[in-house]
Amino acid sequence: LRMTAYQIVFLDRIPAWAAVSDAVSLATGRARPGTPAFVNAVLRAFARRGPRERRPAPPRDPLAALAVRCAFPPRIAERWVGRVGKLRRGLGLGTASGIAARFAGGFAPGPSSL
């Protein structure tokens, strides 16, 4: 399912119907009865959705949003923002949470304090 979802989203040269068909044919001989129908239903529903509907909801916490956006573990993002925040606050450029919101881009809700 994940491989076909990746093909549908990121590979433009492969039509969605072809990717779904390949996944169904792979599931046909290797799984329980009913699995190919399930794979077909899930992937066709996924292919019908637009790109915005496929995205997960962003985290509300600016640090969590930064961690997701940069693929950092949350503890590393918190440590990084803490270190950068001390430097920025010393220069009068904003708070640590504002820095996280700024670096998370459009991922973090609310205005940034930078």
C-alpha atoms as a PDB file:
ATOM      1  CA  LEU A   1       0.000   0.000   0.000  1.00  0.00           C
ATOM      2  CA  ARG A   2       2.769   2.432   0.921  1.00  0.00           C
ATOM      3  CA  MET A   3       4.736   1.824  -2.258  1.00  0.00           C
ATOM      4  CA  THR A   4       1.692   2.422  -4.432  1.00  0.00           C
ATOM      5  CA  ALA A   5       0.702   5.511  -2.437  1.00  0.00           C
ATOM      6  CA  TYR A   6       4.214   6.844  -3.078  1.00  0.00           C
ATOM      7  CA  GLN A   7       3.832   6.138  -6.798  1.00  0.00           C
ATOM      8  CA  ILE A   8       0.482   7.923  -6.922  1.00  0.00           C
ATOM      9  CA  VAL A   9       1.774  11.004  -5.124  1.00  0.00           C
ATOM     10  CA  PHE A  10       5.323  11.434  -6.418  1.00  0.00           C
ATOM     11  CA  LEU A  11       5.750   9.615  -9.740  1.00  0.00           C
ATOM     12  CA  ASP A  12       4.016  11.580 -12.480  1.00  0.00           C
ATOM     13  CA  ARG A  13       4.901   9.200 -15.304  1.00  0.00           C
ATOM     14  CA  ILE A  14       2.909   6.323 -13.801  1.00  0.00           C
ATOM     15  CA  PRO A  15      -0.872   6.767 -14.063  1.00  0.00           C
ATOM     16  CA  ALA A  16      -2.756   6.132 -10.819  1.00  0.00           C
ATOM     17  CA  TRP A  17      -4.837   3.360 -12.370  1.00  0.00           C
ATOM     18  CA  ALA A  18      -1.677   1.488 -13.405  1.00  0.00           C
ATOM     19  CA  ALA A  19      -0.137   1.753  -9.951  1.00  0.00           C
ATOM     20  CA  VAL A  20      -3.361   0.481  -8.353  1.00  0.00           C
ATOM     21  CA  SER A  21      -3.563  -2.361 -10.847  1.00  0.00           C
ATOM     22  CA  ASP A  22       0.004  -3.447 -10.050  1.00  0.00           C
ATOM     23  CA  ALA A  23      -0.701  -3.400  -6.323  1.00  0.00           C
ATOM     24  CA  VAL A  24      -3.838  -5.486  -6.770  1.00  0.00           C
ATOM     25  CA  SER A  25      -1.968  -8.019  -8.904  1.00  0.00           C
ATOM     26  CA  LEU A  26       0.767  -8.260  -6.252  1.00  0.00           C
ATOM     27  CA  ALA A  27      -1.840  -8.837  -3.539  1.00  0.00           C
ATOM     28  CA  THR A  28      -3.744 -11.457  -5.527  1.00  0.00           C
ATOM     29  CA  GLY A  29      -1.517 -14.488  -5.049  1.00  0.00           C
ATOM     30  CA  ARG A  30       0.092 -13.640  -1.736  1.00  0.00           C
ATOM     31  CA  ALA A  31      -2.712 -12.916   0.693  1.00  0.00           C
ATOM     32  CA  ARG A  32      -6.048 -14.066   2.054  1.00  0.00           C
ATOM     33  CA  PRO A  33      -9.165 -13.917  -0.075  1.00  0.00           C
ATOM     34  CA  GLY A  34     -10.601 -10.410  -0.060  1.00  0.00           C
ATOM     35  CA  THR A  35      -7.225  -8.704   0.253  1.00  0.00           C
ATOM     36  CA  PRO A  36      -7.042  -7.659  -3.413  1.00  0.00           C
ATOM     37  CA  ALA A  37     -10.479  -6.011  -3.138  1.00  0.00           C
ATOM     38  CA  PHE A  38      -9.364  -4.207   0.018  1.00  0.00           C
ATOM     39  CA  VAL A  39      -6.143  -3.005  -1.642  1.00  0.00           C
ATOM     40  CA  ASN A  40      -8.117  -1.829  -4.666  1.00  0.00           C
ATOM     41  CA  ALA A  41     -10.660   0.080  -2.544  1.00  0.00           C
ATOM     42  CA  VAL A  42      -8.074   1.777  -0.328  1.00  0.00           C
ATOM     43  CA  LEU A  43      -5.790   2.835  -3.168  1.00  0.00           C
ATOM     44  CA  ARG A  44      -8.583   4.029  -5.447  1.00  0.00           C
ATOM     45  CA  ALA A  45      -9.978   6.173  -2.615  1.00  0.00           C
ATOM     46  CA  PHE A  46      -6.466   7.519  -1.974  1.00  0.00           C
ATOM     47  CA  ALA A  47      -5.967   8.314  -5.664  1.00  0.00           C
ATOM     48  CA  ARG A  48      -9.284  10.221  -5.815  1.00  0.00           C
ATOM     49  CA  ARG A  49      -8.241  12.573  -3.037  1.00  0.00           C
ATOM     50  CA  GLY A  50      -6.478  15.788  -3.879  1.00  0.00           C
ATOM     51  CA  PRO A  51      -2.964  16.607  -2.680  1.00  0.00           C
ATOM     52  CA  ARG A  52      -4.274  18.785   0.178  1.00  0.00           C
ATOM     53  CA  GLU A  53      -6.518  16.026   1.504  1.00  0.00           C
ATOM     54  CA  ARG A  54      -3.613  13.565   1.608  1.00  0.00           C
ATOM     55  CA  ARG A  55      -1.524  15.677   3.974  1.00  0.00           C
ATOM     56  CA  PRO A  56      -1.770  14.925   7.684  1.00  0.00           C
ATOM     57  CA  ALA A  57      -2.890  17.698   9.992  1.00  0.00           C
ATOM     58  CA  PRO A  58       0.105  19.758  11.125  1.00  0.00           C
ATOM     59  CA  PRO A  59       1.006  19.803  14.813  1.00  0.00           C
ATOM     60  CA  ARG A  60      -0.211  22.841  16.748  1.00  0.00           C
ATOM     61  CA  ASP A  61       2.954  23.157  18.832  1.00  0.00           C
ATOM     62  CA  PRO A  62       5.653  25.142  16.967  1.00  0.00           C
ATOM     63  CA  LEU A  63       8.411  22.844  18.255  1.00  0.00           C
ATOM     64  CA  ALA A  64       6.555  19.738  17.109  1.00  0.00           C
ATOM     65  CA  ALA A  65       5.897  21.381  13.729  1.00  0.00           C
ATOM     66  CA  LEU A  66       9.601  22.159  13.374  1.00  0.00           C
ATOM     67  CA  ALA A  67      10.492  18.575  14.267  1.00  0.00           C
ATOM     68  CA  VAL A  68       8.085  17.226  11.633  1.00  0.00           C
ATOM     69  CA  ARG A  69       9.149  19.714   8.969  1.00  0.00           C
ATOM     70  CA  CYS A  70      12.872  19.057   9.435  1.00  0.00           C
ATOM     71  CA  ALA A  71      12.516  15.328  10.241  1.00  0.00           C
ATOM     72  CA  PHE A  72      14.194  15.835  13.622  1.00  0.00           C
ATOM     73  CA  PRO A  73      13.293  13.932  16.761  1.00  0.00           C
ATOM     74  CA  PRO A  74      11.346  16.362  18.983  1.00  0.00           C
ATOM     75  CA  ARG A  75      14.074  16.436  21.626  1.00  0.00           C
ATOM     76  CA  ILE A  76      16.669  17.530  19.042  1.00  0.00           C
ATOM     77  CA  ALA A  77      14.363  20.239  17.681  1.00  0.00           C
ATOM     78  CA  GLU A  78      13.765  21.488  21.220  1.00  0.00           C
ATOM     79  CA  ARG A  79      17.483  21.524  21.957  1.00  0.00           C
ATOM     80  CA  TRP A  80      18.267  23.294  18.682  1.00  0.00           C
ATOM     81  CA  VAL A  81      15.619  25.961  19.226  1.00  0.00           C
ATOM     82  CA  GLY A  82      16.835  26.422  22.785  1.00  0.00           C
ATOM     83  CA  ARG A  83      20.380  27.082  21.611  1.00  0.00           C
ATOM     84  CA  VAL A  84      19.373  29.316  18.714  1.00  0.00           C
ATOM     85  CA  GLY A  85      16.769  31.023  20.907  1.00  0.00           C
ATOM     86  CA  LYS A  86      19.359  32.041  23.491  1.00  0.00           C
ATOM     87  CA  LEU A  87      21.474  33.600  20.774  1.00  0.00           C
ATOM     88  CA  ARG A  88      18.503  35.370  19.168  1.00  0.00           C
ATOM     89  CA  ARG A  89      17.091  36.601  22.475  1.00  0.00           C
ATOM     90  CA  GLY A  90      20.516  37.934  23.385  1.00  0.00           C
ATOM     91  CA  LEU A  91      20.441  39.914  20.166  1.00  0.00           C
ATOM     92  CA  GLY A  92      16.800  40.968  20.739  1.00  0.00           C
ATOM     93  CA  LEU A  93      15.427  39.013  17.776  1.00  0.00           C
ATOM     94  CA  GLY A  94      12.597  37.013  19.367  1.00  0.00           C
ATOM     95  CA  THR A  95      11.616  34.117  21.591  1.00  0.00           C
ATOM     96  CA  ALA A  96      12.452  30.436  21.163  1.00  0.00           C
ATOM     97  CA  SER A  97       8.847  29.529  20.290  1.00  0.00           C
ATOM     98  CA  GLY A  98       8.794  32.353  17.738  1.00  0.00           C
ATOM     99  CA  ILE A  99      11.972  30.992  16.199  1.00  0.00           C
ATOM    100  CA  ALA A 100      10.404  27.518  15.977  1.00  0.00           C
ATOM    101  CA  ALA A 101       7.313  28.997  14.316  1.00  0.00           C
ATOM    102  CA  ARG A 102       9.477  30.941  11.861  1.00  0.00           C
ATOM    103  CA  PHE A 103      11.594  27.949  10.867  1.00  0.00           C
ATOM    104  CA  ALA A 104       8.577  25.649  10.621  1.00  0.00           C
ATOM    105  CA  GLY A 105       7.289  27.883   7.846  1.00  0.00           C
ATOM    106  CA  GLY A 106       3.582  27.648   7.195  1.00  0.00           C
ATOM    107  CA  PHE A 107       3.424  24.530   9.365  1.00  0.00           C
ATOM    108  CA  ALA A 108       3.075  26.306  12.697  1.00  0.00           C
ATOM    109  CA  PRO A 109      -0.138  28.225  13.420  1.00  0.00           C
ATOM    110  CA  GLY A 110      -0.141  31.786  14.613  1.00  0.00           C
ATOM    111  CA  PRO A 111       2.173  34.692  13.937  1.00  0.00           C
ATOM    112  CA  SER A 112       5.870  34.383  14.451  1.00  0.00           C
ATOM    113  CA  SER A 113       7.593  36.667  16.901  1.00  0.00           C
ATOM    114  CA  LEU A 114      10.552  37.294  14.595  1.00  0.00           C
END
